C-alpha cells in the first residue's frame, strides 16, 4: 500500500478542518451555557474541557454511523486525545478573538456612546 503526498495533504486538511469545526462548536456551546445557574461557579476552562470531552467522542460515533464504519475502541481513545487539542484550540482561540475585539477602535466607540 502506497500513500502519496497528495493523499497525506488531503487527510491533514480534513483533520485540521475537523479540529477547527469542533473547536468552533465547542466554543459556541461553552459561551452559551457558561452563565447557567449550575455552571456559573465552575471555571469556564473546566466547562470547555468537559464539553470537548463529550463532543469529540460523539462526533466520532456519528461519523462512524454515517459512513457505516465499525466503531473500534481506539477510535474512541483517539477522540479523547483529540478532545484535548480541540479544548486548547477553542479556549485559546476565543481569548485571542476577545483580545482583538478589545483593541479595536469600534469597541471604544461603543463604550463612548
PDB file of N, CA and C in Angstrom:
ATOM      1  N   UNK A   1       0.831  -1.175   0.000  1.00  0.00           N
ATOM      2  CA  UNK A   1       0.000   0.000   0.000  1.00  0.00           C
ATOM      3  C   UNK A   1       0.880   1.244   0.000  1.00  0.00           C
ATOM      4  N   UNK A   2       0.710   2.061  -0.979  1.00  0.00           N
ATOM      5  CA  UNK A   2       1.486   3.286  -1.052  1.00  0.00           C
ATOM      6  C   UNK A   2       0.552   4.494  -0.912  1.00  0.00           C
ATOM      7  N   UNK A   3       1.014   5.448  -0.170  1.00  0.00           N
ATOM      8  CA  UNK A   3       0.265   6.683   0.008  1.00  0.00           C
ATOM      9  C   UNK A   3       1.146   7.812  -0.499  1.00  0.00           C
ATOM     10  N   UNK A   4       0.609   8.582  -1.413  1.00  0.00           N
ATOM     11  CA  UNK A   4       1.403   9.676  -1.945  1.00  0.00           C
ATOM     12  C   UNK A   4       1.187  10.952  -1.132  1.00  0.00           C
ATOM     13  N   UNK A   5       1.954  11.950  -1.433  1.00  0.00           N
ATOM     14  CA  UNK A   5       1.912  13.216  -0.703  1.00  0.00           C
ATOM     15  C   UNK A   5       0.555  13.886  -0.838  1.00  0.00           C
ATOM     16  N   UNK A   6      -0.068  13.779  -1.980  1.00  0.00           N
ATOM     17  CA  UNK A   6      -1.374  14.404  -2.194  1.00  0.00           C
ATOM     18  C   UNK A   6      -2.426  13.836  -1.242  1.00  0.00           C
ATOM     19  N   UNK A   7      -2.406  12.528  -1.056  1.00  0.00           N
ATOM     20  CA  UNK A   7      -3.342  11.886  -0.139  1.00  0.00           C
ATOM     21  C   UNK A   7      -3.074  12.314   1.302  1.00  0.00           C
ATOM     22  N   UNK A   8      -1.817  12.398   1.670  1.00  0.00           N
ATOM     23  CA  UNK A   8      -1.454  12.821   3.022  1.00  0.00           C
ATOM     24  C   UNK A   8      -1.920  14.256   3.271  1.00  0.00           C
ATOM     25  N   UNK A   9      -1.695  15.135   2.303  1.00  0.00           N
ATOM     26  CA  UNK A   9      -2.128  16.527   2.451  1.00  0.00           C
ATOM     27  C   UNK A   9      -3.651  16.632   2.564  1.00  0.00           C
ATOM     28  N   UNK A  10      -4.345  15.799   1.817  1.00  0.00           N
ATOM     29  CA  UNK A  10      -5.801  15.799   1.878  1.00  0.00           C
ATOM     30  C   UNK A  10      -6.279  15.348   3.264  1.00  0.00           C
ATOM     31  N   UNK A  11      -5.663  14.308   3.801  1.00  0.00           N
ATOM     32  CA  UNK A  11      -6.038  13.820   5.127  1.00  0.00           C
ATOM     33  C   UNK A  11      -5.717  14.835   6.226  1.00  0.00           C
ATOM     34  N   UNK A  12      -4.567  15.493   6.107  1.00  0.00           N
ATOM     35  CA  UNK A  12      -4.203  16.525   7.085  1.00  0.00           C
ATOM     36  C   UNK A  12      -5.186  17.689   7.018  1.00  0.00           C
ATOM     37  N   UNK A  13      -5.605  18.051   5.816  1.00  0.00           N
ATOM     38  CA  UNK A  13      -6.590  19.119   5.661  1.00  0.00           C
ATOM     39  C   UNK A  13      -7.913  18.734   6.311  1.00  0.00           C
ATOM     40  N   UNK A  14      -8.358  17.511   6.107  1.00  0.00           N
ATOM     41  CA  UNK A  14      -9.585  17.032   6.749  1.00  0.00           C
ATOM     42  C   UNK A  14      -9.460  17.082   8.272  1.00  0.00           C
ATOM     43  N   UNK A  15      -8.307  16.663   8.776  1.00  0.00           N
ATOM     44  CA  UNK A  15      -8.076  16.663  10.215  1.00  0.00           C
ATOM     45  C   UNK A  15      -8.126  18.080  10.782  1.00  0.00           C
ATOM     46  N   UNK A  16      -7.460  19.020  10.124  1.00  0.00           N
ATOM     47  CA  UNK A  16      -7.478  20.404  10.588  1.00  0.00           C
ATOM     48  C   UNK A  16      -8.872  21.010  10.507  1.00  0.00           C
ATOM     49  N   UNK A  17      -9.614  20.667   9.462  1.00  0.00           N
ATOM     50  CA  UNK A  17     -10.984  21.136   9.328  1.00  0.00           C
ATOM     51  C   UNK A  17     -11.851  20.585  10.460  1.00  0.00           C
ATOM     52  N   UNK A  18     -11.677  19.318  10.780  1.00  0.00           N
ATOM     53  CA  UNK A  18     -12.455  18.702  11.862  1.00  0.00           C
ATOM     54  C   UNK A  18     -12.129  19.344  13.206  1.00  0.00           C
ATOM     55  N   UNK A  19     -10.855  19.562  13.483  1.00  0.00           N
ATOM     56  CA  UNK A  19     -10.462  20.187  14.747  1.00  0.00           C
ATOM     57  C   UNK A  19     -11.013  21.607  14.828  1.00  0.00           C
ATOM     58  N   UNK A  20     -10.896  22.350  13.748  1.00  0.00           N
ATOM     59  CA  UNK A  20     -11.419  23.711  13.737  1.00  0.00           C
ATOM     60  C   UNK A  20     -12.925  23.752  13.909  1.00  0.00           C
ATOM     61  N   UNK A  21     -13.617  22.866  13.219  1.00  0.00           N
ATOM     62  CA  UNK A  21     -15.079  22.821  13.341  1.00  0.00           C
ATOM     63  C   UNK A  21     -15.527  22.431  14.735  1.00  0.00           C
ATOM     64  N   UNK A  22     -14.880  21.424  15.302  1.00  0.00           N
ATOM     65  CA  UNK A  22     -15.237  21.003  16.664  1.00  0.00           C
ATOM     66  C   UNK A  22     -14.886  22.080  17.687  1.00  0.00           C
ATOM     67  N   UNK A  23     -13.775  22.779  17.481  1.00  0.00           N
ATOM     68  CA  UNK A  23     -13.410  23.862  18.393  1.00  0.00           C
ATOM     69  C   UNK A  23     -14.428  24.990  18.317  1.00  0.00           C
ATOM     70  N   UNK A  24     -14.896  25.289  17.108  1.00  0.00           N
ATOM     71  CA  UNK A  24     -15.908  26.340  16.941  1.00  0.00           C
ATOM     72  C   UNK A  24     -17.208  25.954  17.640  1.00  0.00           C
ATOM     73  N   UNK A  25     -17.658  24.732  17.416  1.00  0.00           N
ATOM     74  CA  UNK A  25     -18.899  24.266  18.053  1.00  0.00           C
ATOM     75  C   UNK A  25     -18.732  24.231  19.576  1.00  0.00           C
ATOM     76  N   UNK A  26     -17.579  23.775  20.030  1.00  0.00           N
ATOM     77  CA  UNK A  26     -17.308  23.732  21.464  1.00  0.00           C
ATOM     78  C   UNK A  26     -17.346  25.137  22.065  1.00  0.00           C
ATOM     79  N   UNK A  27     -16.738  26.102  21.392  1.00  0.00           N
ATOM     80  CA  UNK A  27     -16.758  27.482  21.882  1.00  0.00           C
ATOM     81  C   UNK A  27     -18.170  28.035  21.934  1.00  0.00           C
ATOM     82  N   UNK A  28     -18.955  27.749  20.905  1.00  0.00           N
ATOM     83  CA  UNK A  28     -20.343  28.215  20.894  1.00  0.00           C
ATOM     84  C   UNK A  28     -21.140  27.639  22.064  1.00  0.00           C
ATOM     85  N   UNK A  29     -20.984  26.355  22.286  1.00  0.00           N
ATOM     86  CA  UNK A  29     -21.710  25.712  23.384  1.00  0.00           C
ATOM     87  C   UNK A  29     -21.275  26.290  24.725  1.00  0.00           C
ATOM     88  N   UNK A  30     -19.965  26.435  24.921  1.00  0.00           N
ATOM     89  CA  UNK A  30     -19.459  26.955  26.194  1.00  0.00           C
ATOM     90  C   UNK A  30     -19.943  28.376  26.425  1.00  0.00           C
ATOM     91  N   UNK A  31     -19.862  29.221  25.409  1.00  0.00           N
ATOM     92  CA  UNK A  31     -20.296  30.610  25.578  1.00  0.00           C
ATOM     93  C   UNK A  31     -21.800  30.698  25.831  1.00  0.00           C
ATOM     94  N   UNK A  32     -22.540  29.718  25.337  1.00  0.00           N
ATOM     95  CA  UNK A  32     -23.982  29.713  25.539  1.00  0.00           C
ATOM     96  C   UNK A  32     -24.363  29.250  26.946  1.00  0.00           C
ATOM     97  N   UNK A  33     -23.693  28.227  27.450  1.00  0.00           N
ATOM     98  CA  UNK A  33     -24.121  27.627  28.716  1.00  0.00           C
ATOM     99  C   UNK A  33     -23.332  28.071  29.935  1.00  0.00           C
ATOM    100  N   UNK A  34     -22.267  28.834  29.763  1.00  0.00           N
ATOM    101  CA  UNK A  34     -21.412  29.134  30.921  1.00  0.00           C
ATOM    102  C   UNK A  34     -22.083  30.006  31.977  1.00  0.00           C
ATOM    103  N   UNK A  35     -23.137  30.718  31.629  1.00  0.00           N
ATOM    104  CA  UNK A  35     -23.828  31.566  32.601  1.00  0.00           C
ATOM    105  C   UNK A  35     -25.043  30.886  33.221  1.00  0.00           C
ATOM    106  N   UNK A  36     -25.212  29.605  32.974  1.00  0.00           N
ATOM    107  CA  UNK A  36     -26.328  28.880  33.589  1.00  0.00           C
ATOM    108  C   UNK A  36     -26.095  28.796  35.102  1.00  0.00           C
ATOM    109  N   UNK A  37     -27.166  28.783  35.889  1.00  0.00           N
ATOM    110  CA  UNK A  37     -27.024  28.819  37.354  1.00  0.00           C
ATOM    111  C   UNK A  37     -26.115  27.724  37.929  1.00  0.00           C
ATOM    112  N   UNK A  38     -26.178  26.529  37.379  1.00  0.00           N
ATOM    113  CA  UNK A  38     -25.344  25.437  37.923  1.00  0.00           C
ATOM    114  C   UNK A  38     -23.881  25.569  37.501  1.00  0.00           C
ATOM    115  N   UNK A  39     -23.622  26.217  36.375  1.00  0.00           N
ATOM    116  CA  UNK A  39     -22.265  26.276  35.822  1.00  0.00           C
ATOM    117  C   UNK A  39     -21.549  27.583  36.109  1.00  0.00           C
ATOM    118  N   UNK A  40     -22.236  28.558  36.680  1.00  0.00           N
ATOM    119  CA  UNK A  40     -21.632  29.875  36.882  1.00  0.00           C
ATOM    120  C   UNK A  40     -20.476  29.826  37.888  1.00  0.00           C
ATOM    121  N   UNK A  41     -20.494  28.867  38.790  1.00  0.00           N
ATOM    122  CA  UNK A  41     -19.439  28.751  39.804  1.00  0.00           C
ATOM    123  C   UNK A  41     -18.229  27.966  39.305  1.00  0.00           C
ATOM    124  N   UNK A  42     -18.389  27.262  38.197  1.00  0.00           N
ATOM    125  CA  UNK A  42     -17.312  26.444  37.645  1.00  0.00           C
ATOM    126  C   UNK A  42     -16.500  27.289  36.668  1.00  0.00           C
ATOM    127  N   UNK A  43     -15.161  27.211  36.712  1.00  0.00           N
ATOM    128  CA  UNK A  43     -14.348  27.984  35.757  1.00  0.00           C
ATOM    129  C   UNK A  43     -14.688  27.612  34.303  1.00  0.00           C
ATOM    130  N   UNK A  44     -14.641  28.608  33.444  1.00  0.00           N
ATOM    131  CA  UNK A  44     -15.004  28.409  32.039  1.00  0.00           C
ATOM    132  C   UNK A  44     -14.093  27.389  31.366  1.00  0.00           C
ATOM    133  N   UNK A  45     -12.822  27.355  31.735  1.00  0.00           N
ATOM    134  CA  UNK A  45     -11.903  26.384  31.127  1.00  0.00           C
ATOM    135  C   UNK A  45     -12.303  24.946  31.449  1.00  0.00           C
ATOM    136  N   UNK A  46     -12.818  24.715  32.646  1.00  0.00           N
ATOM    137  CA  UNK A  46     -13.262  23.371  33.015  1.00  0.00           C
ATOM    138  C   UNK A  46     -14.498  22.992  32.208  1.00  0.00           C
ATOM    139  N   UNK A  47     -15.412  23.940  32.045  1.00  0.00           N
ATOM    140  CA  UNK A  47     -16.610  23.678  31.237  1.00  0.00           C
ATOM    141  C   UNK A  47     -16.204  23.372  29.800  1.00  0.00           C
ATOM    142  N   UNK A  48     -15.233  24.124  29.257  1.00  0.00           N
ATOM    143  CA  UNK A  48     -14.768  23.898  27.888  1.00  0.00           C
ATOM    144  C   UNK A  48     -14.129  22.517  27.731  1.00  0.00           C
ATOM    145  N   UNK A  49     -13.358  22.101  28.726  1.00  0.00           N
ATOM    146  CA  UNK A  49     -12.734  20.781  28.663  1.00  0.00           C
ATOM    147  C   UNK A  49     -13.788  19.672  28.684  1.00  0.00           C
ATOM    148  N   UNK A  50     -14.768  19.795  29.555  1.00  0.00           N
ATOM    149  CA  UNK A  50     -15.821  18.774  29.643  1.00  0.00           C
ATOM    150  C   UNK A  50     -16.628  18.721  28.347  1.00  0.00           C
ATOM    151  N   UNK A  51     -16.949  19.883  27.787  1.00  0.00           N
ATOM    152  CA  UNK A  51     -17.686  19.919  26.518  1.00  0.00           C
ATOM    153  C   UNK A  51     -16.872  19.251  25.417  1.00  0.00           C
ATOM    154  N   UNK A  52     -15.577  19.513  25.374  1.00  0.00           N
ATOM    155  CA  UNK A  52     -14.721  18.879  24.360  1.00  0.00           C
ATOM    156  C   UNK A  52     -14.658  17.367  24.554  1.00  0.00           C
ATOM    157  N   UNK A  53     -14.576  16.942  25.809  1.00  0.00           N
ATOM    158  CA  UNK A  53     -14.512  15.507  26.094  1.00  0.00           C
ATOM    159  C   UNK A  53     -15.820  14.794  25.761  1.00  0.00           C
ATOM    160  N   UNK A  54     -16.914  15.527  25.725  1.00  0.00           N
ATOM    161  CA  UNK A  54     -18.196  14.940  25.322  1.00  0.00           C
ATOM    162  C   UNK A  54     -18.378  15.029  23.820  1.00  0.00           C
ATOM    163  N   UNK A  55     -18.040  16.182  23.253  1.00  0.00           N
ATOM    164  CA  UNK A  55     -18.299  16.459  21.845  1.00  0.00           C
ATOM    165  C   UNK A  55     -17.479  15.582  20.899  1.00  0.00           C
ATOM    166  N   UNK A  56     -16.215  15.377  21.188  1.00  0.00           N
ATOM    167  CA  UNK A  56     -15.347  14.620  20.266  1.00  0.00           C
ATOM    168  C   UNK A  56     -15.755  13.149  20.127  1.00  0.00           C
ATOM    169  N   UNK A  57     -15.964  12.405  21.215  1.00  0.00           N
ATOM    170  CA  UNK A  57     -16.418  11.026  21.028  1.00  0.00           C
ATOM    171  C   UNK A  57     -17.780  10.928  20.343  1.00  0.00           C
ATOM    172  N   UNK A  58     -18.672  11.874  20.651  1.00  0.00           N
ATOM    173  CA  UNK A  58     -19.975  11.872  19.989  1.00  0.00           C
ATOM    174  C   UNK A  58     -19.807  12.099  18.487  1.00  0.00           C
ATOM    175  N   UNK A  59     -18.916  13.002  18.105  1.00  0.00           N
ATOM    176  CA  UNK A  59     -18.661  13.265  16.690  1.00  0.00           C
ATOM    177  C   UNK A  59     -18.088  12.026  15.995  1.00  0.00           C
ATOM    178  N   UNK A  60     -17.201  11.311  16.676  1.00  0.00           N
ATOM    179  CA  UNK A  60     -16.626  10.096  16.094  1.00  0.00           C
ATOM    180  C   UNK A  60     -17.704   9.028  15.898  1.00  0.00           C
ATOM    181  N   UNK A  61     -18.555   8.861  16.883  1.00  0.00           N
ATOM    182  CA  UNK A  61     -19.628   7.873  16.773  1.00  0.00           C
ATOM    183  C   UNK A  61     -20.580   8.247  15.638  1.00  0.00           C
ATOM    184  N   UNK A  62     -20.932   9.525  15.531  1.00  0.00           N
ATOM    185  CA  UNK A  62     -21.816   9.965  14.451  1.00  0.00           C
ATOM    186  C   UNK A  62     -21.184   9.727  13.091  1.00  0.00           C
ATOM    187  N   UNK A  63     -19.905  10.058  12.951  1.00  0.00           N
ATOM    188  CA  UNK A  63     -19.219   9.832  11.671  1.00  0.00           C
ATOM    189  C   UNK A  63     -19.131   8.344  11.332  1.00  0.00           C
ATOM    190  N   UNK A  64     -18.841   7.535  12.330  1.00  0.00           N
ATOM    191  CA  UNK A  64     -18.779   6.082  12.076  1.00  0.00           C
ATOM    192  C   UNK A  64     -20.140   5.539  11.648  1.00  0.00           C
ATOM    193  N   UNK A  65     -21.190   6.014  12.271  1.00  0.00           N
ATOM    194  CA  UNK A  65     -22.527   5.577  11.878  1.00  0.00           C
ATOM    195  C   UNK A  65     -22.870   6.054  10.469  1.00  0.00           C
ATOM    196  N   UNK A  66     -22.506   7.299  10.154  1.00  0.00           N
ATOM    197  CA  UNK A  66     -22.819   7.870   8.851  1.00  0.00           C
ATOM    198  C   UNK A  66     -22.092   7.124   7.733  1.00  0.00           C
ATOM    199  N   UNK A  67     -20.810   6.828   7.936  1.00  0.00           N
ATOM    200  CA  UNK A  67     -20.018   6.136   6.918  1.00  0.00           C
ATOM    201  C   UNK A  67     -20.066   4.620   7.051  1.00  0.00           C
ATOM    202  N   UNK A  68     -20.887   4.120   7.975  1.00  0.00           N
ATOM    203  CA  UNK A  68     -21.066   2.682   8.200  1.00  0.00           C
ATOM    204  C   UNK A  68     -19.733   1.982   8.503  1.00  0.00           C
ATOM    205  N   UNK A  69     -18.982   2.591   9.414  1.00  0.00           N
ATOM    206  CA  UNK A  69     -17.706   2.049   9.857  1.00  0.00           C
ATOM    207  C   UNK A  69     -17.922   1.417  11.227  1.00  0.00           C
ATOM    208  N   UNK A  70     -17.353   0.262  11.438  1.00  0.00           N
ATOM    209  CA  UNK A  70     -17.447  -0.393  12.743  1.00  0.00           C
ATOM    210  C   UNK A  70     -16.617   0.414  13.740  1.00  0.00           C
ATOM    211  N   UNK A  71     -17.223   0.730  14.871  1.00  0.00           N
ATOM    212  CA  UNK A  71     -16.546   1.530  15.887  1.00  0.00           C
ATOM    213  C   UNK A  71     -15.577   0.644  16.650  1.00  0.00           C
ATOM    214  N   UNK A  72     -14.320   1.002  16.600  1.00  0.00           N
ATOM    215  CA  UNK A  72     -13.271   0.283  17.330  1.00  0.00           C
ATOM    216  C   UNK A  72     -12.928   1.073  18.595  1.00  0.00           C
ATOM    217  N   UNK A  73     -12.361   0.407  19.576  1.00  0.00           N
ATOM    218  CA  UNK A  73     -12.040   1.054  20.840  1.00  0.00           C
ATOM    219  C   UNK A  73     -11.028   2.166  20.657  1.00  0.00           C
ATOM    220  N   UNK A  74     -10.087   1.993  19.740  1.00  0.00           N
ATOM    221  CA  UNK A  74      -9.051   3.009  19.564  1.00  0.00           C
ATOM    222  C   UNK A  74      -9.584   4.257  18.874  1.00  0.00           C
ATOM    223  N   UNK A  75     -10.714   4.199  18.194  1.00  0.00           N
ATOM    224  CA  UNK A  75     -11.348   5.405  17.662  1.00  0.00           C
ATOM    225  C   UNK A  75     -11.800   6.297  18.819  1.00  0.00           C
ATOM    226  N   UNK A  76     -12.412   5.671  19.795  1.00  0.00           N
ATOM    227  CA  UNK A  76     -12.890   6.418  20.957  1.00  0.00           C
ATOM    228  C   UNK A  76     -11.716   6.967  21.763  1.00  0.00           C
ATOM    229  N   UNK A  77     -10.689   6.152  21.937  1.00  0.00           N
ATOM    230  CA  UNK A  77      -9.482   6.594  22.648  1.00  0.00           C
ATOM    231  C   UNK A  77      -8.853   7.781  21.931  1.00  0.00           C
ATOM    232  N   UNK A  78      -8.723   7.703  20.625  1.00  0.00           N
ATOM    233  CA  UNK A  78      -8.159   8.804  19.840  1.00  0.00           C
ATOM    234  C   UNK A  78      -9.030  10.050  19.927  1.00  0.00           C
ATOM    235  N   UNK A  79     -10.339   9.864  20.040  1.00  0.00           N
ATOM    236  CA  UNK A  79     -11.221  11.028  20.144  1.00  0.00           C
ATOM    237  C   UNK A  79     -11.010  11.756  21.473  1.00  0.00           C
ATOM    238  N   UNK A  80     -10.664  11.026  22.531  1.00  0.00           N
ATOM    239  CA  UNK A  80     -10.376  11.691  23.794  1.00  0.00           C
ATOM    240  C   UNK A  80      -9.066  12.479  23.709  1.00  0.00           C
ATOM    241  N   UNK A  81      -8.087  11.951  23.003  1.00  0.00           N
ATOM    242  CA  UNK A  81      -6.844  12.705  22.788  1.00  0.00           C
ATOM    243  C   UNK A  81      -7.131  13.940  21.943  1.00  0.00           C
ATOM    244  N   UNK A  82      -7.942  13.770  20.902  1.00  0.00           N
ATOM    245  CA  UNK A  82      -8.311  14.906  20.053  1.00  0.00           C
ATOM    246  C   UNK A  82      -9.113  15.939  20.835  1.00  0.00           C
ATOM    247  N   UNK A  83      -9.846  15.503  21.847  1.00  0.00           N
ATOM    248  CA  UNK A  83     -10.638  16.427  22.655  1.00  0.00           C
ATOM    249  C   UNK A  83      -9.747  17.445  23.360  1.00  0.00           C
ATOM    250  N   UNK A  84      -8.564  17.033  23.796  1.00  0.00           N
ATOM    251  CA  UNK A  84      -7.648  17.976  24.436  1.00  0.00           C
ATOM    252  C   UNK A  84      -7.136  19.005  23.429  1.00  0.00           C
ATOM    253  N   UNK A  85      -6.896  18.578  22.205  1.00  0.00           N
ATOM    254  CA  UNK A  85      -6.470  19.510  21.156  1.00  0.00           C
ATOM    255  C   UNK A  85      -7.600  20.485  20.841  1.00  0.00           C
ATOM    256  N   UNK A  86      -8.819  19.971  20.737  1.00  0.00           N
ATOM    257  CA  UNK A  86      -9.985  20.823  20.485  1.00  0.00           C
ATOM    258  C   UNK A  86     -10.159  21.813  21.632  1.00  0.00           C
ATOM    259  N   UNK A  87      -9.976  21.347  22.851  1.00  0.00           N
ATOM    260  CA  UNK A  87     -10.077  22.228  24.015  1.00  0.00           C
ATOM    261  C   UNK A  87      -9.053  23.361  23.942  1.00  0.00           C
ATOM    262  N   UNK A  88      -7.810  23.025  23.632  1.00  0.00           N
ATOM    263  CA  UNK A  88      -6.765  24.046  23.554  1.00  0.00           C
ATOM    264  C   UNK A  88      -7.055  25.059  22.451  1.00  0.00           C
ATOM    265  N   UNK A  89      -7.523  24.586  21.316  1.00  0.00           N
ATOM    266  CA  UNK A  89      -7.841  25.499  20.206  1.00  0.00           C
ATOM    267  C   UNK A  89      -9.035  26.367  20.556  1.00  0.00           C
ATOM    268  N   UNK A  90     -10.055  25.775  21.146  1.00  0.00           N
ATOM    269  CA  UNK A  90     -11.267  26.548  21.434  1.00  0.00           C
ATOM    270  C   UNK A  90     -11.046  27.591  22.525  1.00  0.00           C
ATOM    271  N   UNK A  91     -10.301  27.266  23.560  1.00  0.00           N
ATOM    272  CA  UNK A  91     -10.090  28.249  24.626  1.00  0.00           C
ATOM    273  C   UNK A  91      -9.084  29.306  24.207  1.00  0.00           C
ATOM    274  N   UNK A  92      -8.008  28.912  23.591  1.00  0.00           N
ATOM    275  CA  UNK A  92      -7.016  29.883  23.136  1.00  0.00           C
ATOM    276  C   UNK A  92      -7.561  30.764  22.038  1.00  0.00           C
ATOM    277  N   UNK A  93      -8.342  30.195  21.149  1.00  0.00           N
ATOM    278  CA  UNK A  93      -8.908  30.959  20.049  1.00  0.00           C
ATOM    279  C   UNK A  93      -9.882  32.011  20.534  1.00  0.00           C
ATOM    280  N   UNK A  94     -10.734  31.669  21.493  1.00  0.00           N
ATOM    281  CA  UNK A  94     -11.714  32.622  21.987  1.00  0.00           C
ATOM    282  C   UNK A  94     -11.033  33.773  22.716  1.00  0.00           C
ATOM    283  N   UNK A  95     -10.004  33.482  23.485  1.00  0.00           N
ATOM    284  CA  UNK A  95      -9.290  34.536  24.199  1.00  0.00           C
ATOM    285  C   UNK A  95      -8.613  35.492  23.226  1.00  0.00           C
ATOM    286  N   UNK A  96      -8.073  34.962  22.142  1.00  0.00           N
ATOM    287  CA  UNK A  96      -7.433  35.827  21.145  1.00  0.00           C
ATOM    288  C   UNK A  96      -8.444  36.712  20.437  1.00  0.00           C
ATOM    289  N   UNK A  97      -9.609  36.161  20.114  1.00  0.00           N
ATOM    290  CA  UNK A  97     -10.649  36.965  19.473  1.00  0.00           C
ATOM    291  C   UNK A  97     -11.127  38.063  20.429  1.00  0.00           C
ATOM    292  N   UNK A  98     -11.325  37.728  21.693  1.00  0.00           N
ATOM    293  CA  UNK A  98     -11.746  38.730  22.675  1.00  0.00           C
ATOM    294  C   UNK A  98     -10.682  39.810  22.842  1.00  0.00           C
ATOM    295  N   UNK A  99      -9.419  39.424  22.831  1.00  0.00           N
ATOM    296  CA  UNK A  99      -8.329  40.391  22.941  1.00  0.00           C
ATOM    297  C   UNK A  99      -8.293  41.316  21.728  1.00  0.00           C
ATOM    298  N   UNK A 100      -8.488  40.774  20.528  1.00  0.00           N
ATOM    299  CA  UNK A 100      -8.527  41.610  19.327  1.00  0.00           C
ATOM    300  C   UNK A 100      -9.706  42.578  19.386  1.00  0.00           C
ATOM    301  N   UNK A 101     -10.842  42.114  19.876  1.00  0.00           N
ATOM    302  CA  UNK A 101     -12.020  42.968  19.983  1.00  0.00           C
ATOM    303  C   UNK A 101     -11.749  44.145  20.929  1.00  0.00           C
ATOM    304  N   UNK A 102     -11.056  43.880  22.034  1.00  0.00           N
ATOM    305  CA  UNK A 102     -10.755  44.933  22.997  1.00  0.00           C
ATOM    306  C   UNK A 102      -9.812  45.980  22.412  1.00  0.00           C
ATOM    307  N   UNK A 103      -8.976  45.591  21.475  1.00  0.00           N
ATOM    308  CA  UNK A 103      -8.006  46.513  20.878  1.00  0.00           C
ATOM    309  C   UNK A 103      -8.588  47.376  19.766  1.00  0.00           C
ATOM    310  N   UNK A 104      -9.741  47.032  19.244  1.00  0.00           N
ATOM    311  CA  UNK A 104     -10.290  47.757  18.102  1.00  0.00           C
ATOM    312  C   UNK A 104     -10.853  49.103  18.510  1.00  0.00           C
ATOM    313  N   UNK A 105     -10.888  50.005  17.540  1.00  0.00           N
ATOM    314  CA  UNK A 105     -11.478  51.322  17.759  1.00  0.00           C
ATOM    315  C   UNK A 105     -12.990  51.202  17.871  1.00  0.00           C
ATOM    316  N   UNK A 106     -13.569  50.204  17.208  1.00  0.00           N
ATOM    317  CA  UNK A 106     -15.015  50.012  17.222  1.00  0.00           C
ATOM    318  C   UNK A 106     -15.506  49.789  18.649  1.00  0.00           C
ATOM    319  N   UNK A 107     -14.774  49.009  19.422  1.00  0.00           N
ATOM    320  CA  UNK A 107     -15.136  48.740  20.802  1.00  0.00           C
ATOM    321  C   UNK A 107     -15.093  50.034  21.625  1.00  0.00           C
ATOM    322  N   UNK A 108     -14.120  50.889  21.382  1.00  0.00           N
ATOM    323  CA  UNK A 108     -14.001  52.151  22.120  1.00  0.00           C
ATOM    324  C   UNK A 108     -15.142  53.092  21.751  1.00  0.00           C
ATOM    325  N   UNK A 109     -15.597  53.032  20.495  1.00  0.00           N
ATOM    326  CA  UNK A 109     -16.711  53.878  20.081  1.00  0.00           C
ATOM    327  C   UNK A 109     -17.991  53.475  20.796  1.00  0.00           C
ATOM    328  N   UNK A 110     -18.193  52.181  20.986  1.00  0.00           N
ATOM    329  CA  UNK A 110     -19.393  51.696  21.665  1.00  0.00           C
ATOM    330  C   UNK A 110     -19.378  52.135  23.121  1.00  0.00           C
ATOM    331  N   UNK A 111     -18.241  52.039  23.774  1.00  0.00           N
ATOM    332  CA  UNK A 111     -18.142  52.448  25.176  1.00  0.00           C
ATOM    333  C   UNK A 111     -18.365  53.950  25.326  1.00  0.00           C
ATOM    334  N   UNK A 112     -17.926  54.722  24.349  1.00  0.00           N
ATOM    335  CA  UNK A 112     -18.049  56.176  24.413  1.00  0.00           C
ATOM    336  C   UNK A 112     -19.484  56.641  24.270  1.00  0.00           C
ATOM    337  N   UNK A 113     -20.334  55.862  23.583  1.00  0.00           N
ATOM    338  CA  UNK A 113     -21.734  56.266  23.367  1.00  0.00           C
ATOM    339  C   UNK A 113     -22.613  55.965  24.527  1.00  0.00           C
TER     340      UNK A 113
END
